[in-house]
Amino acid sequence: MLQTDYTIDHYTGTGALTDYAFTWRILQKNDLVAITKDTNDVVTTLTLDTDYTIDNAYVNNSSGGSIVLATALADGTQLFLTRQTDLTQLVHLEEGSPMPSSVLEEVFDRLTMITQELKYLFRQTLHFPDSSLSLDVEVADPTAGSLLQWNAAADGVQNVLASTLEITHTVVDVALNAGDSTAIVTHNLNNIGAKLIGFSSTFHTAFKFVSQTADTITVELTVQAPAGGGTLTFEVAI
């Protein structure tokens, strides 16, 4: 008998505790893997019977159990308790021999536990949503100093050097008359995807996006231009 799902158990140390619970069944002590990550992001896989112990009573226990660390978990250090069921099948059934139900149940439980762990690993990966038809997408081998980019056909991911990704930007000054509450930023970049990435003003105001075309972006000001008008400066990039 198994719980319906499996997730890792995660804790953050306080410098005082050594006992930490795991909430799922293990078939042997080595199936539990304990990992720490300290405040400097150094990850360490702990060693059974050296860095921690597991009581025999917690093996094959449907309620799980706990581990005992050799030293208290340091303040701020994270502890991850994961299950990695051994990928073995040691049961040998001979024709005409007895088939105890407990033996068969453990075989099925082992397979279910492995499936649960694979499901959890899948949840930790990047994957397409159920509404996607994308399949068999290939990713290029790593290249130092490169970024990943969808290819022109949008069916694969390729390497591209960051230095080749040009960012076009321009700075636009917009003069306002007294009482103006909107501004049109004419950047002439001929790209509907242009974005406002910088802003300054000769008077105290903010703005919110209204609409845009390939060459202009219209914004609404939170404060009207004062007597004598003012100037807004926008940085636009694509």
C-alpha atoms as a PDB file:
ATOM      1  CA  MET A   1       0.000   0.000   0.000  1.00  0.00           C
ATOM      2  CA  LEU A   2       1.382   3.421  -1.008  1.00  0.00           C
ATOM      3  CA  GLN A   3       0.471   7.073  -0.705  1.00  0.00           C
ATOM      4  CA  THR A   4      -1.003   8.439  -3.933  1.00  0.00           C
ATOM      5  CA  ASP A   5       1.847  10.843  -4.686  1.00  0.00           C
ATOM      6  CA  TYR A   6       5.434  11.583  -3.791  1.00  0.00           C
ATOM      7  CA  THR A   7       7.223  14.871  -3.166  1.00  0.00           C
ATOM      8  CA  ILE A   8      10.529  15.546  -1.482  1.00  0.00           C
ATOM      9  CA  ASP A   9      10.711  16.729   2.124  1.00  0.00           C
ATOM     10  CA  HIS A  10      12.470  20.067   2.584  1.00  0.00           C
ATOM     11  CA  TYR A  11      13.724  21.777   5.729  1.00  0.00           C
ATOM     12  CA  THR A  12      15.775  24.832   6.725  1.00  0.00           C
ATOM     13  CA  GLY A  13      18.128  24.444   9.653  1.00  0.00           C
ATOM     14  CA  THR A  14      18.112  26.490  12.832  1.00  0.00           C
ATOM     15  CA  GLY A  15      21.382  25.180  14.255  1.00  0.00           C
ATOM     16  CA  ALA A  16      19.549  23.145  16.910  1.00  0.00           C
ATOM     17  CA  LEU A  17      17.766  20.143  15.330  1.00  0.00           C
ATOM     18  CA  THR A  18      19.162  16.796  14.205  1.00  0.00           C
ATOM     19  CA  ASP A  19      15.952  14.792  13.589  1.00  0.00           C
ATOM     20  CA  TYR A  20      14.057  15.317  10.318  1.00  0.00           C
ATOM     21  CA  ALA A  21      11.037  13.370   9.098  1.00  0.00           C
ATOM     22  CA  PHE A  22      10.454  11.811   5.698  1.00  0.00           C
ATOM     23  CA  THR A  23       6.837  11.197   4.754  1.00  0.00           C
ATOM     24  CA  TRP A  24       7.064   8.275   2.329  1.00  0.00           C
ATOM     25  CA  ARG A  25       7.948   4.594   2.381  1.00  0.00           C
ATOM     26  CA  ILE A  26      11.431   3.304   1.553  1.00  0.00           C
ATOM     27  CA  LEU A  27      12.284  -0.312   0.794  1.00  0.00           C
ATOM     28  CA  GLN A  28      15.860  -0.002   2.037  1.00  0.00           C
ATOM     29  CA  LYS A  29      17.906   2.686   3.746  1.00  0.00           C
ATOM     30  CA  ASN A  30      19.942   3.460   0.635  1.00  0.00           C
ATOM     31  CA  ASP A  31      16.747   4.487  -1.179  1.00  0.00           C
ATOM     32  CA  LEU A  32      16.720   7.715   0.822  1.00  0.00           C
ATOM     33  CA  VAL A  33      19.144  10.385  -0.380  1.00  0.00           C
ATOM     34  CA  ALA A  34      19.835  13.383   1.871  1.00  0.00           C
ATOM     35  CA  ILE A  35      21.207  16.563   0.298  1.00  0.00           C
ATOM     36  CA  THR A  36      22.138  19.876   1.904  1.00  0.00           C
ATOM     37  CA  LYS A  37      22.602  23.357   0.402  1.00  0.00           C
ATOM     38  CA  ASP A  38      24.335  25.893   2.602  1.00  0.00           C
ATOM     39  CA  THR A  39      23.972  29.678   2.596  1.00  0.00           C
ATOM     40  CA  ASN A  40      26.722  29.898  -0.052  1.00  0.00           C
ATOM     41  CA  ASP A  41      24.726  27.571  -2.327  1.00  0.00           C
ATOM     42  CA  VAL A  42      27.220  24.724  -1.852  1.00  0.00           C
ATOM     43  CA  VAL A  43      25.359  21.429  -2.421  1.00  0.00           C
ATOM     44  CA  THR A  44      26.480  18.273  -0.592  1.00  0.00           C
ATOM     45  CA  THR A  45      25.131  14.730  -0.753  1.00  0.00           C
ATOM     46  CA  LEU A  46      25.283  13.274   2.736  1.00  0.00           C
ATOM     47  CA  THR A  47      26.627   9.791   3.483  1.00  0.00           C
ATOM     48  CA  LEU A  48      24.415   7.212   5.198  1.00  0.00           C
ATOM     49  CA  ASP A  49      25.735   5.992   8.574  1.00  0.00           C
ATOM     50  CA  THR A  50      28.344   8.765   8.564  1.00  0.00           C
ATOM     51  CA  ASP A  51      26.445  12.030   8.192  1.00  0.00           C
ATOM     52  CA  TYR A  52      23.059  10.587   9.190  1.00  0.00           C
ATOM     53  CA  THR A  53      21.375   7.369  10.308  1.00  0.00           C
ATOM     54  CA  ILE A  54      17.980   5.755   9.759  1.00  0.00           C
ATOM     55  CA  ASP A  55      16.424   3.422  12.318  1.00  0.00           C
ATOM     56  CA  ASN A  56      15.548  -0.067  11.046  1.00  0.00           C
ATOM     57  CA  ALA A  57      11.938   0.515  12.119  1.00  0.00           C
ATOM     58  CA  TYR A  58      11.542   3.105   9.358  1.00  0.00           C
ATOM     59  CA  VAL A  59      12.414   0.712   6.516  1.00  0.00           C
ATOM     60  CA  ASN A  60       9.321  -0.568   4.672  1.00  0.00           C
ATOM     61  CA  ASN A  61       7.149   1.617   6.888  1.00  0.00           C
ATOM     62  CA  SER A  62       4.153   3.018   4.993  1.00  0.00           C
ATOM     63  CA  SER A  63       4.138   6.118   7.234  1.00  0.00           C
ATOM     64  CA  GLY A  64       7.774   6.979   6.531  1.00  0.00           C
ATOM     65  CA  GLY A  65      10.077   7.846   9.412  1.00  0.00           C
ATOM     66  CA  SER A  66      12.953  10.154  10.228  1.00  0.00           C
ATOM     67  CA  ILE A  67      16.682  10.532   9.829  1.00  0.00           C
ATOM     68  CA  VAL A  68      19.091  11.622  12.544  1.00  0.00           C
ATOM     69  CA  LEU A  69      21.948  13.891  11.495  1.00  0.00           C
ATOM     70  CA  ALA A  70      25.345  13.428  13.100  1.00  0.00           C
ATOM     71  CA  THR A  71      25.427  17.195  13.773  1.00  0.00           C
ATOM     72  CA  ALA A  72      22.630  19.734  13.954  1.00  0.00           C
ATOM     73  CA  LEU A  73      21.637  21.320  10.652  1.00  0.00           C
ATOM     74  CA  ALA A  74      23.332  24.724  10.528  1.00  0.00           C
ATOM     75  CA  ASP A  75      21.222  27.866  10.651  1.00  0.00           C
ATOM     76  CA  GLY A  76      20.015  28.698   7.148  1.00  0.00           C
ATOM     77  CA  THR A  77      21.266  25.467   5.569  1.00  0.00           C
ATOM     78  CA  GLN A  78      18.589  23.640   3.600  1.00  0.00           C
ATOM     79  CA  LEU A  79      18.007  19.889   3.800  1.00  0.00           C
ATOM     80  CA  PHE A  80      16.365  17.934   0.980  1.00  0.00           C
ATOM     81  CA  LEU A  81      15.204  14.370   1.640  1.00  0.00           C
ATOM     82  CA  THR A  82      14.538  12.524  -1.609  1.00  0.00           C
ATOM     83  CA  ARG A  83      13.672   8.949  -2.518  1.00  0.00           C
ATOM     84  CA  GLN A  84      15.601   7.140  -5.242  1.00  0.00           C
ATOM     85  CA  THR A  85      14.337   3.572  -5.264  1.00  0.00           C
ATOM     86  CA  ASP A  86      16.927   1.070  -6.440  1.00  0.00           C
ATOM     87  CA  LEU A  87      16.189   0.046 -10.049  1.00  0.00           C
ATOM     88  CA  THR A  88      16.313  -3.696  -9.431  1.00  0.00           C
ATOM     89  CA  GLN A  89      14.000  -6.688  -9.673  1.00  0.00           C
ATOM     90  CA  LEU A  90      15.262  -9.470  -7.413  1.00  0.00           C
ATOM     91  CA  VAL A  91      12.138 -11.614  -7.169  1.00  0.00           C
ATOM     92  CA  HIS A  92      12.367 -14.941  -9.011  1.00  0.00           C
ATOM     93  CA  LEU A  93       9.097 -16.815  -9.511  1.00  0.00           C
ATOM     94  CA  GLU A  94       9.337 -20.496 -10.408  1.00  0.00           C
ATOM     95  CA  GLU A  95       6.509 -22.335 -12.097  1.00  0.00           C
ATOM     96  CA  GLY A  96       4.442 -24.256  -9.563  1.00  0.00           C
ATOM     97  CA  SER A  97       6.116 -22.584  -6.589  1.00  0.00           C
ATOM     98  CA  PRO A  98       4.241 -20.633  -3.896  1.00  0.00           C
ATOM     99  CA  MET A  99       3.487 -16.960  -4.719  1.00  0.00           C
ATOM    100  CA  PRO A 100       3.068 -15.140  -1.405  1.00  0.00           C
ATOM    101  CA  SER A 101       0.874 -12.057  -1.736  1.00  0.00           C
ATOM    102  CA  SER A 102       3.393  -9.994   0.261  1.00  0.00           C
ATOM    103  CA  VAL A 103       6.113 -10.730  -2.297  1.00  0.00           C
ATOM    104  CA  LEU A 104       3.893  -9.788  -5.229  1.00  0.00           C
ATOM    105  CA  GLU A 105       2.702  -6.620  -3.497  1.00  0.00           C
ATOM    106  CA  GLU A 106       6.291  -5.481  -2.915  1.00  0.00           C
ATOM    107  CA  VAL A 107       7.086  -6.009  -6.614  1.00  0.00           C
ATOM    108  CA  PHE A 108       4.132  -3.826  -7.616  1.00  0.00           C
ATOM    109  CA  ASP A 109       4.920  -1.284  -4.910  1.00  0.00           C
ATOM    110  CA  ARG A 110       8.522  -0.972  -6.139  1.00  0.00           C
ATOM    111  CA  LEU A 111       7.348  -0.287  -9.692  1.00  0.00           C
ATOM    112  CA  THR A 112       4.819   2.272  -8.451  1.00  0.00           C
ATOM    113  CA  MET A 113       7.440   4.008  -6.306  1.00  0.00           C
ATOM    114  CA  ILE A 114       9.851   4.255  -9.243  1.00  0.00           C
ATOM    115  CA  THR A 115       7.039   5.685 -11.384  1.00  0.00           C
ATOM    116  CA  GLN A 116       6.219   8.258  -8.700  1.00  0.00           C
ATOM    117  CA  GLU A 117       9.870   9.345  -8.568  1.00  0.00           C
ATOM    118  CA  LEU A 118      10.060   9.650 -12.359  1.00  0.00           C
ATOM    119  CA  LYS A 119       6.879  11.739 -12.298  1.00  0.00           C
ATOM    120  CA  TYR A 120       8.454  14.063  -9.725  1.00  0.00           C
ATOM    121  CA  LEU A 121      11.606  14.417 -11.860  1.00  0.00           C
ATOM    122  CA  PHE A 122       9.407  15.242 -14.858  1.00  0.00           C
ATOM    123  CA  ARG A 123       7.713  17.983 -12.831  1.00  0.00           C
ATOM    124  CA  GLN A 124      11.172  19.502 -12.218  1.00  0.00           C
ATOM    125  CA  THR A 125      11.933  19.765 -15.945  1.00  0.00           C
ATOM    126  CA  LEU A 126      10.879  22.334 -18.524  1.00  0.00           C
ATOM    127  CA  HIS A 127       8.092  20.881 -20.641  1.00  0.00           C
ATOM    128  CA  PHE A 128       5.314  21.947 -22.950  1.00  0.00           C
ATOM    129  CA  PRO A 129       1.734  22.416 -21.674  1.00  0.00           C
ATOM    130  CA  ASP A 130      -1.015  19.925 -22.447  1.00  0.00           C
ATOM    131  CA  SER A 131      -2.366  22.367 -25.029  1.00  0.00           C
ATOM    132  CA  SER A 132       0.865  22.188 -27.070  1.00  0.00           C
ATOM    133  CA  LEU A 133       1.419  19.964 -30.119  1.00  0.00           C
ATOM    134  CA  SER A 134       5.227  20.269 -29.927  1.00  0.00           C
ATOM    135  CA  LEU A 135       7.052  16.928 -29.843  1.00  0.00           C
ATOM    136  CA  ASP A 136      10.636  15.690 -30.211  1.00  0.00           C
ATOM    137  CA  VAL A 137      12.221  19.135 -29.812  1.00  0.00           C
ATOM    138  CA  GLU A 138      16.012  18.925 -29.958  1.00  0.00           C
ATOM    139  CA  VAL A 139      18.396  21.159 -28.015  1.00  0.00           C
ATOM    140  CA  ALA A 140      21.895  21.831 -29.299  1.00  0.00           C
ATOM    141  CA  ASP A 141      24.958  20.746 -27.305  1.00  0.00           C
ATOM    142  CA  PRO A 142      26.201  23.481 -24.951  1.00  0.00           C
ATOM    143  CA  THR A 143      28.531  26.128 -26.368  1.00  0.00           C
ATOM    144  CA  ALA A 144      30.431  28.375 -23.964  1.00  0.00           C
ATOM    145  CA  GLY A 145      29.170  31.962 -23.909  1.00  0.00           C
ATOM    146  CA  SER A 146      26.048  31.193 -25.927  1.00  0.00           C
ATOM    147  CA  LEU A 147      22.331  31.557 -25.270  1.00  0.00           C
ATOM    148  CA  LEU A 148      19.565  29.211 -26.376  1.00  0.00           C
ATOM    149  CA  GLN A 149      17.248  30.503 -29.088  1.00  0.00           C
ATOM    150  CA  TRP A 150      14.359  28.994 -31.043  1.00  0.00           C
ATOM    151  CA  ASN A 151      15.336  28.359 -34.648  1.00  0.00           C
ATOM    152  CA  ALA A 152      13.522  29.956 -37.602  1.00  0.00           C
ATOM    153  CA  ALA A 153      11.166  26.983 -37.950  1.00  0.00           C
ATOM    154  CA  ALA A 154      10.333  27.050 -34.220  1.00  0.00           C
ATOM    155  CA  ASP A 155      10.929  23.295 -33.995  1.00  0.00           C
ATOM    156  CA  GLY A 156      14.329  23.248 -32.309  1.00  0.00           C
ATOM    157  CA  VAL A 157      16.612  25.215 -29.992  1.00  0.00           C
ATOM    158  CA  GLN A 158      19.998  26.416 -31.183  1.00  0.00           C
ATOM    159  CA  ASN A 159      23.027  28.164 -29.706  1.00  0.00           C
ATOM    160  CA  VAL A 160      23.537  31.847 -30.457  1.00  0.00           C
ATOM    161  CA  LEU A 161      26.329  34.058 -29.155  1.00  0.00           C
ATOM    162  CA  ALA A 162      25.070  36.815 -26.905  1.00  0.00           C
ATOM    163  CA  SER A 163      27.242  39.299 -28.792  1.00  0.00           C
ATOM    164  CA  THR A 164      25.240  38.665 -31.993  1.00  0.00           C
ATOM    165  CA  LEU A 165      21.927  39.636 -30.423  1.00  0.00           C
ATOM    166  CA  GLU A 166      21.715  43.287 -31.318  1.00  0.00           C
ATOM    167  CA  ILE A 167      19.476  45.506 -29.225  1.00  0.00           C
ATOM    168  CA  THR A 168      18.278  48.560 -31.100  1.00  0.00           C
ATOM    169  CA  HIS A 169      17.323  51.481 -28.927  1.00  0.00           C
ATOM    170  CA  THR A 170      16.750  55.188 -29.183  1.00  0.00           C
ATOM    171  CA  VAL A 171      16.116  58.125 -26.854  1.00  0.00           C
ATOM    172  CA  VAL A 172      13.074  60.292 -27.560  1.00  0.00           C
ATOM    173  CA  ASP A 173      12.265  63.690 -26.038  1.00  0.00           C
ATOM    174  CA  VAL A 174       8.574  64.631 -25.942  1.00  0.00           C
ATOM    175  CA  ALA A 175       7.672  68.296 -25.379  1.00  0.00           C
ATOM    176  CA  LEU A 176       4.398  68.916 -23.522  1.00  0.00           C
ATOM    177  CA  ASN A 177       2.137  71.907 -23.242  1.00  0.00           C
ATOM    178  CA  ALA A 178       0.549  72.991 -19.969  1.00  0.00           C
ATOM    179  CA  GLY A 179      -2.263  70.628 -18.979  1.00  0.00           C
ATOM    180  CA  ASP A 180      -1.257  67.781 -21.322  1.00  0.00           C
ATOM    181  CA  SER A 181      -2.130  64.405 -19.787  1.00  0.00           C
ATOM    182  CA  THR A 182      -1.003  62.103 -22.609  1.00  0.00           C
ATOM    183  CA  ALA A 183       2.167  61.805 -24.627  1.00  0.00           C
ATOM    184  CA  ILE A 184       2.982  60.156 -27.953  1.00  0.00           C
ATOM    185  CA  VAL A 185       6.490  58.725 -28.110  1.00  0.00           C
ATOM    186  CA  THR A 186       7.529  58.666 -31.772  1.00  0.00           C
ATOM    187  CA  HIS A 187      10.557  56.349 -31.968  1.00  0.00           C
ATOM    188  CA  ASN A 188      10.461  55.360 -35.686  1.00  0.00           C
ATOM    189  CA  LEU A 189      11.922  51.888 -34.995  1.00  0.00           C
ATOM    190  CA  ASN A 190       9.273  50.269 -37.207  1.00  0.00           C
ATOM    191  CA  ASN A 191       8.595  47.471 -34.717  1.00  0.00           C
ATOM    192  CA  ILE A 192       5.291  46.821 -32.945  1.00  0.00           C
ATOM    193  CA  GLY A 193       7.245  45.042 -30.189  1.00  0.00           C
ATOM    194  CA  ALA A 194       9.231  48.118 -29.134  1.00  0.00           C
ATOM    195  CA  LYS A 195       9.343  48.639 -25.354  1.00  0.00           C
ATOM    196  CA  LEU A 196       9.848  51.609 -23.065  1.00  0.00           C
ATOM    197  CA  ILE A 197      12.890  50.788 -20.942  1.00  0.00           C
ATOM    198  CA  GLY A 198      13.770  54.188 -19.489  1.00  0.00           C
ATOM    199  CA  PHE A 199      11.974  57.379 -18.444  1.00  0.00           C
ATOM    200  CA  SER A 200      12.711  60.776 -16.964  1.00  0.00           C
ATOM    201  CA  SER A 201      10.728  64.011 -16.687  1.00  0.00           C
ATOM    202  CA  THR A 202      11.211  67.687 -15.900  1.00  0.00           C
ATOM    203  CA  PHE A 203       8.249  67.484 -13.498  1.00  0.00           C
ATOM    204  CA  HIS A 204       7.039  64.882 -11.035  1.00  0.00           C
ATOM    205  CA  THR A 205       4.896  62.329 -12.849  1.00  0.00           C
ATOM    206  CA  ALA A 206       4.626  58.684 -13.859  1.00  0.00           C
ATOM    207  CA  PHE A 207       2.869  57.068 -16.799  1.00  0.00           C
ATOM    208  CA  LYS A 208       0.934  54.019 -17.915  1.00  0.00           C
ATOM    209  CA  PHE A 209       0.852  52.388 -21.334  1.00  0.00           C
ATOM    210  CA  VAL A 210      -2.174  53.116 -23.558  1.00  0.00           C
ATOM    211  CA  SER A 211      -1.446  51.814 -27.054  1.00  0.00           C
ATOM    212  CA  GLN A 212       1.222  51.531 -29.716  1.00  0.00           C
ATOM    213  CA  THR A 213       1.907  51.254 -33.432  1.00  0.00           C
ATOM    214  CA  ALA A 214       5.071  50.202 -35.231  1.00  0.00           C
ATOM    215  CA  ASP A 215       6.556  53.672 -34.748  1.00  0.00           C
ATOM    216  CA  THR A 216       4.769  55.223 -31.770  1.00  0.00           C
ATOM    217  CA  ILE A 217       3.824  54.444 -28.182  1.00  0.00           C
ATOM    218  CA  THR A 218       1.056  56.387 -26.468  1.00  0.00           C
ATOM    219  CA  VAL A 219       1.151  56.821 -22.685  1.00  0.00           C
ATOM    220  CA  GLU A 220      -1.108  58.461 -20.126  1.00  0.00           C
ATOM    221  CA  LEU A 221       0.460  60.635 -17.431  1.00  0.00           C
ATOM    222  CA  THR A 222      -0.511  60.394 -13.784  1.00  0.00           C
ATOM    223  CA  VAL A 223       0.085  64.159 -13.362  1.00  0.00           C
ATOM    224  CA  GLN A 224      -0.738  66.778 -15.999  1.00  0.00           C
ATOM    225  CA  ALA A 225       2.030  68.940 -17.368  1.00  0.00           C
ATOM    226  CA  PRO A 226       2.386  72.130 -15.249  1.00  0.00           C
ATOM    227  CA  ALA A 227       2.099  75.705 -16.386  1.00  0.00           C
ATOM    228  CA  GLY A 228       4.832  76.303 -18.918  1.00  0.00           C
ATOM    229  CA  GLY A 229       4.735  72.654 -20.018  1.00  0.00           C
ATOM    230  CA  GLY A 230       7.560  70.210 -19.610  1.00  0.00           C
ATOM    231  CA  THR A 231       9.700  67.588 -21.280  1.00  0.00           C
ATOM    232  CA  LEU A 232       9.546  63.796 -21.013  1.00  0.00           C
ATOM    233  CA  THR A 233      12.495  61.654 -22.056  1.00  0.00           C
ATOM    234  CA  PHE A 234      11.904  58.013 -23.008  1.00  0.00           C
ATOM    235  CA  GLU A 235      14.364  55.272 -23.912  1.00  0.00           C
ATOM    236  CA  VAL A 236      12.853  52.765 -26.351  1.00  0.00           C
ATOM    237  CA  ALA A 237      14.339  49.403 -27.318  1.00  0.00           C
ATOM    238  CA  ILE A 238      13.543  46.376 -29.457  1.00  0.00           C
END
